[in-house]
Amino acid sequence: MFRSAVSLIVSNEASRFLVVGVFNTAAGYLIGVGIYLLLSSIAHIVVIGVLASGISIAVSFLTQRFLVFRSRAPWWPQFRRSLMVYGSLSLVAIPILWWLLEVIGLSIWLAQAVTLVIGAGLSYAGQKWFTFKVNHHVD
């Protein structure tokens, strides 16, 4: 039974995205909170958000490229498109994070979780239909 469940996850792209997405979400969450805890006394939340987003984007791109979409296409065009998708998501998430922290007064733990949940579905759509789309014509 365990083998069949693992086989189903490995063979199904959406299932792989879900598993890798849980990893990427946890990694992004820990990266964001960790950088905030390290730098919040010396850097503005926007700077922290940009730094955390950059690191999280690189991790997510690599795991999605190799584990989810199993792409063999040239990496640079895909990475550029991934930056466009995640950059757009970051432009939405960073102000939301600032608002949740500075205006609403949530803790970094809850604020980071809220921003990650907002971007998860949009991330899959953008990566599937833009970044890793087969026969992409925007390269």
N, C-alpha and C. Protein backbone atom coordinates (compact mmCIF):
# COMPACT_ATOMS: atom_id res chain seq x y z
N MET A 1 0.81 -1.19 0.00
CA MET A 1 0.00 0.00 0.00
C MET A 1 0.86 1.26 0.00
N PHE A 2 1.90 1.27 0.83
CA PHE A 2 2.80 2.42 0.88
C PHE A 2 3.47 2.64 -0.47
N ARG A 3 3.92 1.52 -1.09
CA ARG A 3 4.56 1.61 -2.40
C ARG A 3 3.63 2.17 -3.45
N SER A 4 2.37 1.77 -3.43
CA SER A 4 1.43 2.28 -4.43
C SER A 4 1.15 3.76 -4.21
N ALA A 5 1.11 4.20 -2.97
CA ALA A 5 0.91 5.62 -2.69
C ALA A 5 2.10 6.44 -3.17
N VAL A 6 3.30 5.95 -2.91
CA VAL A 6 4.51 6.63 -3.37
C VAL A 6 4.56 6.63 -4.89
N SER A 7 4.22 5.52 -5.50
CA SER A 7 4.21 5.43 -6.96
C SER A 7 3.22 6.42 -7.58
N LEU A 8 2.06 6.56 -6.97
CA LEU A 8 1.06 7.51 -7.45
C LEU A 8 1.58 8.94 -7.36
N ILE A 9 2.20 9.27 -6.24
CA ILE A 9 2.74 10.63 -6.06
C ILE A 9 3.84 10.91 -7.08
N VAL A 10 4.74 9.96 -7.25
CA VAL A 10 5.88 10.16 -8.16
C VAL A 10 5.42 10.25 -9.60
N SER A 11 4.37 9.53 -9.97
CA SER A 11 3.95 9.50 -11.36
C SER A 11 3.01 10.65 -11.73
N ASN A 12 2.47 11.35 -10.77
CA ASN A 12 1.49 12.40 -11.04
C ASN A 12 2.10 13.77 -10.77
N GLU A 13 2.12 14.62 -11.80
CA GLU A 13 2.73 15.94 -11.69
C GLU A 13 2.10 16.79 -10.58
N ALA A 14 0.78 16.81 -10.51
CA ALA A 14 0.12 17.62 -9.49
C ALA A 14 0.47 17.12 -8.09
N SER A 15 0.58 15.81 -7.93
CA SER A 15 0.97 15.26 -6.63
C SER A 15 2.41 15.64 -6.29
N ARG A 16 3.29 15.56 -7.29
CA ARG A 16 4.68 15.97 -7.05
C ARG A 16 4.74 17.44 -6.69
N PHE A 17 3.93 18.27 -7.37
CA PHE A 17 3.91 19.69 -7.06
C PHE A 17 3.46 19.91 -5.62
N LEU A 18 2.48 19.15 -5.18
CA LEU A 18 1.98 19.28 -3.82
C LEU A 18 3.07 18.93 -2.80
N VAL A 19 3.74 17.80 -3.01
CA VAL A 19 4.79 17.37 -2.08
C VAL A 19 5.95 18.36 -2.09
N VAL A 20 6.42 18.72 -3.28
CA VAL A 20 7.52 19.67 -3.38
C VAL A 20 7.07 21.04 -2.87
N GLY A 21 5.81 21.38 -3.12
CA GLY A 21 5.27 22.65 -2.63
C GLY A 21 5.28 22.74 -1.12
N VAL A 22 4.97 21.62 -0.45
CA VAL A 22 5.04 21.60 1.02
C VAL A 22 6.48 21.86 1.47
N PHE A 23 7.43 21.20 0.80
CA PHE A 23 8.84 21.44 1.12
C PHE A 23 9.22 22.89 0.86
N ASN A 24 8.87 23.40 -0.34
CA ASN A 24 9.22 24.78 -0.69
C ASN A 24 8.55 25.78 0.24
N THR A 25 7.32 25.51 0.63
CA THR A 25 6.61 26.40 1.54
C THR A 25 7.31 26.42 2.90
N ALA A 26 7.67 25.24 3.39
CA ALA A 26 8.39 25.18 4.67
C ALA A 26 9.74 25.89 4.56
N ALA A 27 10.44 25.64 3.46
CA ALA A 27 11.74 26.29 3.27
C ALA A 27 11.56 27.80 3.17
N GLY A 28 10.59 28.25 2.37
CA GLY A 28 10.34 29.70 2.25
C GLY A 28 9.95 30.33 3.57
N TYR A 29 9.13 29.62 4.33
CA TYR A 29 8.70 30.11 5.63
C TYR A 29 9.91 30.26 6.56
N LEU A 30 10.73 29.23 6.65
CA LEU A 30 11.89 29.28 7.52
C LEU A 30 12.93 30.29 7.05
N ILE A 31 13.10 30.40 5.74
CA ILE A 31 14.03 31.40 5.20
C ILE A 31 13.53 32.80 5.57
N GLY A 32 12.24 33.06 5.33
CA GLY A 32 11.67 34.38 5.63
C GLY A 32 11.75 34.74 7.10
N VAL A 33 11.34 33.83 7.96
CA VAL A 33 11.38 34.09 9.40
C VAL A 33 12.82 34.20 9.88
N GLY A 34 13.68 33.32 9.39
CA GLY A 34 15.09 33.34 9.80
C GLY A 34 15.78 34.64 9.44
N ILE A 35 15.58 35.09 8.21
CA ILE A 35 16.21 36.34 7.79
C ILE A 35 15.62 37.51 8.57
N TYR A 36 14.32 37.47 8.81
CA TYR A 36 13.68 38.53 9.61
C TYR A 36 14.29 38.57 11.01
N LEU A 37 14.41 37.43 11.65
CA LEU A 37 14.96 37.39 13.00
C LEU A 37 16.42 37.83 13.03
N LEU A 38 17.17 37.52 11.97
CA LEU A 38 18.57 37.93 11.91
C LEU A 38 18.76 39.40 11.60
N LEU A 39 17.91 39.95 10.72
CA LEU A 39 18.18 41.29 10.19
C LEU A 39 17.17 42.37 10.58
N SER A 40 16.11 42.03 11.28
CA SER A 40 15.06 43.03 11.53
C SER A 40 15.53 44.23 12.33
N SER A 41 16.57 44.08 13.11
CA SER A 41 17.07 45.22 13.88
C SER A 41 17.93 46.17 13.04
N ILE A 42 18.35 45.72 11.86
CA ILE A 42 19.22 46.57 11.05
C ILE A 42 18.70 46.82 9.63
N ALA A 43 17.65 46.12 9.22
CA ALA A 43 17.15 46.27 7.85
C ALA A 43 15.63 46.42 7.84
N HIS A 44 15.14 47.17 6.87
CA HIS A 44 13.70 47.37 6.69
C HIS A 44 13.06 46.07 6.18
N ILE A 45 11.80 45.88 6.50
CA ILE A 45 11.08 44.66 6.12
C ILE A 45 11.08 44.45 4.60
N VAL A 46 11.08 45.52 3.83
CA VAL A 46 11.10 45.37 2.37
C VAL A 46 12.43 44.77 1.92
N VAL A 47 13.52 45.22 2.49
CA VAL A 47 14.84 44.67 2.17
C VAL A 47 14.90 43.19 2.57
N ILE A 48 14.40 42.91 3.75
CA ILE A 48 14.36 41.52 4.23
C ILE A 48 13.50 40.67 3.30
N GLY A 49 12.35 41.21 2.90
CA GLY A 49 11.45 40.48 2.01
C GLY A 49 12.08 40.19 0.66
N VAL A 50 12.80 41.16 0.11
CA VAL A 50 13.46 40.96 -1.18
C VAL A 50 14.55 39.89 -1.07
N LEU A 51 15.34 39.96 -0.01
CA LEU A 51 16.40 38.97 0.20
C LEU A 51 15.82 37.57 0.39
N ALA A 52 14.82 37.46 1.25
CA ALA A 52 14.19 36.16 1.50
C ALA A 52 13.52 35.63 0.23
N SER A 53 12.89 36.50 -0.53
CA SER A 53 12.25 36.07 -1.78
C SER A 53 13.27 35.55 -2.77
N GLY A 54 14.39 36.22 -2.89
CA GLY A 54 15.43 35.78 -3.82
C GLY A 54 15.94 34.39 -3.51
N ILE A 55 16.21 34.13 -2.26
CA ILE A 55 16.69 32.81 -1.86
C ILE A 55 15.60 31.76 -2.06
N SER A 56 14.38 32.09 -1.66
CA SER A 56 13.26 31.15 -1.80
C SER A 56 12.96 30.85 -3.26
N ILE A 57 13.07 31.84 -4.12
CA ILE A 57 12.83 31.64 -5.56
C ILE A 57 13.83 30.64 -6.13
N ALA A 58 15.09 30.79 -5.76
CA ALA A 58 16.12 29.87 -6.27
C ALA A 58 15.84 28.44 -5.82
N VAL A 59 15.49 28.26 -4.55
CA VAL A 59 15.17 26.92 -4.04
C VAL A 59 13.97 26.34 -4.78
N SER A 60 12.92 27.14 -4.91
CA SER A 60 11.69 26.66 -5.57
C SER A 60 11.93 26.32 -7.03
N PHE A 61 12.67 27.17 -7.74
CA PHE A 61 12.94 26.89 -9.14
C PHE A 61 13.65 25.55 -9.31
N LEU A 62 14.67 25.33 -8.51
CA LEU A 62 15.43 24.08 -8.65
C LEU A 62 14.60 22.86 -8.32
N THR A 63 13.83 22.90 -7.26
CA THR A 63 13.04 21.73 -6.90
C THR A 63 11.92 21.48 -7.91
N GLN A 64 11.31 22.54 -8.40
CA GLN A 64 10.25 22.35 -9.40
C GLN A 64 10.80 21.89 -10.73
N ARG A 65 11.91 22.45 -11.13
CA ARG A 65 12.50 22.06 -12.42
C ARG A 65 12.85 20.58 -12.44
N PHE A 66 13.52 20.11 -11.39
CA PHE A 66 14.01 18.74 -11.39
C PHE A 66 13.03 17.72 -10.84
N LEU A 67 12.25 18.09 -9.84
CA LEU A 67 11.40 17.11 -9.18
C LEU A 67 9.95 17.11 -9.64
N VAL A 68 9.42 18.28 -9.99
CA VAL A 68 8.01 18.35 -10.38
C VAL A 68 7.84 18.22 -11.89
N PHE A 69 8.42 19.16 -12.63
CA PHE A 69 8.19 19.21 -14.07
C PHE A 69 9.22 18.40 -14.85
N ARG A 70 10.28 17.97 -14.19
CA ARG A 70 11.32 17.13 -14.79
C ARG A 70 11.79 17.66 -16.13
N SER A 71 12.08 18.91 -16.13
CA SER A 71 12.43 19.59 -17.37
C SER A 71 13.86 19.31 -17.79
N ARG A 72 14.03 19.15 -19.09
CA ARG A 72 15.35 18.99 -19.69
C ARG A 72 15.65 20.16 -20.63
N ALA A 73 14.75 21.09 -20.69
CA ALA A 73 14.92 22.27 -21.55
C ALA A 73 16.04 23.15 -20.98
N PRO A 74 16.58 24.05 -21.80
CA PRO A 74 17.62 24.95 -21.28
C PRO A 74 17.12 25.69 -20.03
N TRP A 75 17.97 25.74 -19.01
CA TRP A 75 17.54 26.27 -17.72
C TRP A 75 17.39 27.78 -17.71
N TRP A 76 18.22 28.50 -18.45
CA TRP A 76 18.21 29.96 -18.35
C TRP A 76 16.87 30.58 -18.76
N PRO A 77 16.27 30.21 -19.91
CA PRO A 77 14.95 30.78 -20.23
C PRO A 77 13.89 30.44 -19.18
N GLN A 78 13.96 29.22 -18.66
CA GLN A 78 13.00 28.84 -17.63
C GLN A 78 13.23 29.64 -16.35
N PHE A 79 14.47 29.85 -16.00
CA PHE A 79 14.77 30.61 -14.79
C PHE A 79 14.27 32.05 -14.94
N ARG A 80 14.46 32.65 -16.11
CA ARG A 80 13.95 34.01 -16.35
C ARG A 80 12.44 34.06 -16.17
N ARG A 81 11.75 33.07 -16.75
CA ARG A 81 10.28 33.04 -16.60
C ARG A 81 9.89 32.80 -15.15
N SER A 82 10.64 31.93 -14.46
CA SER A 82 10.36 31.68 -13.05
C SER A 82 10.53 32.97 -12.24
N LEU A 83 11.55 33.74 -12.55
CA LEU A 83 11.75 35.02 -11.87
C LEU A 83 10.57 35.96 -12.12
N MET A 84 10.04 35.92 -13.32
CA MET A 84 8.87 36.76 -13.63
C MET A 84 7.66 36.34 -12.80
N VAL A 85 7.43 35.03 -12.71
CA VAL A 85 6.29 34.53 -11.93
C VAL A 85 6.48 34.85 -10.46
N TYR A 86 7.63 34.43 -9.91
CA TYR A 86 7.86 34.64 -8.48
C TYR A 86 8.07 36.12 -8.15
N GLY A 87 8.67 36.85 -9.07
CA GLY A 87 8.81 38.29 -8.84
C GLY A 87 7.47 38.97 -8.73
N SER A 88 6.54 38.59 -9.60
CA SER A 88 5.18 39.14 -9.54
C SER A 88 4.50 38.77 -8.23
N LEU A 89 4.65 37.52 -7.82
CA LEU A 89 4.08 37.10 -6.55
C LEU A 89 4.72 37.86 -5.38
N SER A 90 6.02 38.08 -5.46
CA SER A 90 6.70 38.82 -4.39
C SER A 90 6.24 40.27 -4.32
N LEU A 91 5.95 40.86 -5.48
CA LEU A 91 5.45 42.24 -5.48
C LEU A 91 4.11 42.36 -4.77
N VAL A 92 3.37 41.27 -4.73
CA VAL A 92 2.11 41.24 -3.98
C VAL A 92 2.37 40.85 -2.52
N ALA A 93 3.22 39.85 -2.31
CA ALA A 93 3.41 39.30 -0.97
C ALA A 93 4.16 40.24 -0.03
N ILE A 94 5.17 40.96 -0.52
CA ILE A 94 5.95 41.83 0.36
C ILE A 94 5.10 42.94 0.96
N PRO A 95 4.28 43.66 0.17
CA PRO A 95 3.42 44.66 0.81
C PRO A 95 2.39 44.05 1.78
N ILE A 96 1.90 42.84 1.44
CA ILE A 96 0.97 42.18 2.37
C ILE A 96 1.70 41.85 3.66
N LEU A 97 2.92 41.33 3.57
CA LEU A 97 3.71 41.03 4.76
C LEU A 97 3.93 42.29 5.58
N TRP A 98 4.32 43.37 4.93
CA TRP A 98 4.51 44.65 5.65
C TRP A 98 3.22 45.06 6.35
N TRP A 99 2.10 44.99 5.63
CA TRP A 99 0.80 45.40 6.18
C TRP A 99 0.44 44.54 7.40
N LEU A 100 0.62 43.23 7.27
CA LEU A 100 0.28 42.33 8.37
C LEU A 100 1.17 42.58 9.60
N LEU A 101 2.45 42.88 9.37
CA LEU A 101 3.37 43.12 10.48
C LEU A 101 3.20 44.51 11.08
N GLU A 102 3.24 45.53 10.22
CA GLU A 102 3.31 46.91 10.69
C GLU A 102 1.95 47.54 10.99
N VAL A 103 0.94 47.21 10.23
CA VAL A 103 -0.37 47.82 10.40
C VAL A 103 -1.26 46.97 11.31
N ILE A 104 -1.37 45.70 10.98
CA ILE A 104 -2.23 44.81 11.75
C ILE A 104 -1.56 44.37 13.06
N GLY A 105 -0.24 44.22 13.03
CA GLY A 105 0.49 43.85 14.24
C GLY A 105 0.61 42.35 14.48
N LEU A 106 0.46 41.56 13.41
CA LEU A 106 0.63 40.11 13.57
C LEU A 106 2.09 39.78 13.86
N SER A 107 2.33 38.62 14.43
CA SER A 107 3.70 38.15 14.62
C SER A 107 4.26 37.74 13.26
N ILE A 108 5.57 37.69 13.14
CA ILE A 108 6.20 37.27 11.90
C ILE A 108 5.79 35.83 11.56
N TRP A 109 5.57 35.01 12.57
CA TRP A 109 5.21 33.61 12.35
C TRP A 109 3.89 33.49 11.60
N LEU A 110 2.89 34.24 12.03
CA LEU A 110 1.58 34.19 11.39
C LEU A 110 1.56 34.97 10.08
N ALA A 111 2.20 36.13 10.06
CA ALA A 111 2.22 36.95 8.85
C ALA A 111 2.89 36.22 7.70
N GLN A 112 4.00 35.56 7.97
CA GLN A 112 4.70 34.81 6.92
C GLN A 112 3.84 33.65 6.42
N ALA A 113 3.14 32.98 7.32
CA ALA A 113 2.27 31.88 6.91
C ALA A 113 1.15 32.37 6.00
N VAL A 114 0.54 33.50 6.33
CA VAL A 114 -0.54 34.06 5.51
C VAL A 114 -0.04 34.39 4.10
N THR A 115 1.12 35.02 4.00
CA THR A 115 1.62 35.40 2.68
C THR A 115 1.99 34.17 1.85
N LEU A 116 2.49 33.13 2.47
CA LEU A 116 2.83 31.91 1.72
C LEU A 116 1.58 31.21 1.20
N VAL A 117 0.53 31.18 1.98
CA VAL A 117 -0.72 30.54 1.55
C VAL A 117 -1.31 31.28 0.36
N ILE A 118 -1.25 32.59 0.38
CA ILE A 118 -1.80 33.40 -0.72
C ILE A 118 -1.13 33.04 -2.05
N GLY A 119 0.19 32.83 -2.01
CA GLY A 119 0.92 32.60 -3.26
C GLY A 119 0.94 31.17 -3.78
N ALA A 120 0.52 30.20 -3.00
CA ALA A 120 0.70 28.79 -3.40
C ALA A 120 -0.04 28.42 -4.67
N GLY A 121 -1.31 28.71 -4.77
CA GLY A 121 -2.08 28.36 -5.97
C GLY A 121 -1.63 29.13 -7.19
N LEU A 122 -1.35 30.41 -6.99
CA LEU A 122 -0.87 31.23 -8.10
C LEU A 122 0.48 30.74 -8.60
N SER A 123 1.29 30.23 -7.70
CA SER A 123 2.59 29.71 -8.08
C SER A 123 2.46 28.51 -9.01
N TYR A 124 1.60 27.57 -8.66
CA TYR A 124 1.44 26.38 -9.52
C TYR A 124 0.98 26.78 -10.91
N ALA A 125 -0.01 27.64 -10.98
CA ALA A 125 -0.53 28.06 -12.29
C ALA A 125 0.57 28.73 -13.11
N GLY A 126 1.30 29.63 -12.50
CA GLY A 126 2.35 30.34 -13.22
C GLY A 126 3.48 29.43 -13.67
N GLN A 127 3.89 28.52 -12.80
CA GLN A 127 4.98 27.62 -13.16
C GLN A 127 4.55 26.62 -14.23
N LYS A 128 3.34 26.07 -14.08
CA LYS A 128 2.88 25.06 -15.04
C LYS A 128 2.63 25.65 -16.42
N TRP A 129 1.94 26.77 -16.47
CA TRP A 129 1.50 27.30 -17.76
C TRP A 129 2.39 28.40 -18.31
N PHE A 130 3.44 28.76 -17.58
CA PHE A 130 4.34 29.78 -18.11
C PHE A 130 5.80 29.34 -18.02
N THR A 131 6.30 29.10 -16.84
CA THR A 131 7.72 28.79 -16.67
C THR A 131 8.12 27.49 -17.36
N PHE A 132 7.40 26.42 -17.09
CA PHE A 132 7.79 25.11 -17.60
C PHE A 132 6.89 24.61 -18.72
N LYS A 133 6.19 25.50 -19.36
CA LYS A 133 5.31 25.12 -20.47
C LYS A 133 6.16 24.55 -21.61
N VAL A 134 5.74 23.41 -22.09
CA VAL A 134 6.46 22.76 -23.19
C VAL A 134 6.23 23.57 -24.46
N ASN A 135 7.27 23.69 -25.29
CA ASN A 135 7.21 24.46 -26.54
C ASN A 135 6.86 25.91 -26.29
N HIS A 136 7.47 26.50 -25.27
CA HIS A 136 7.23 27.90 -24.94
C HIS A 136 7.83 28.77 -26.04
N HIS A 137 7.11 29.81 -26.42
CA HIS A 137 7.57 30.65 -27.53
C HIS A 137 8.09 32.00 -27.09
N VAL A 138 8.28 32.22 -25.79
CA VAL A 138 8.75 33.51 -25.29
C VAL A 138 10.24 33.50 -25.01
N ASP A 139 10.90 32.36 -25.21
CA ASP A 139 12.33 32.25 -24.92
C ASP A 139 13.07 33.22 -25.77
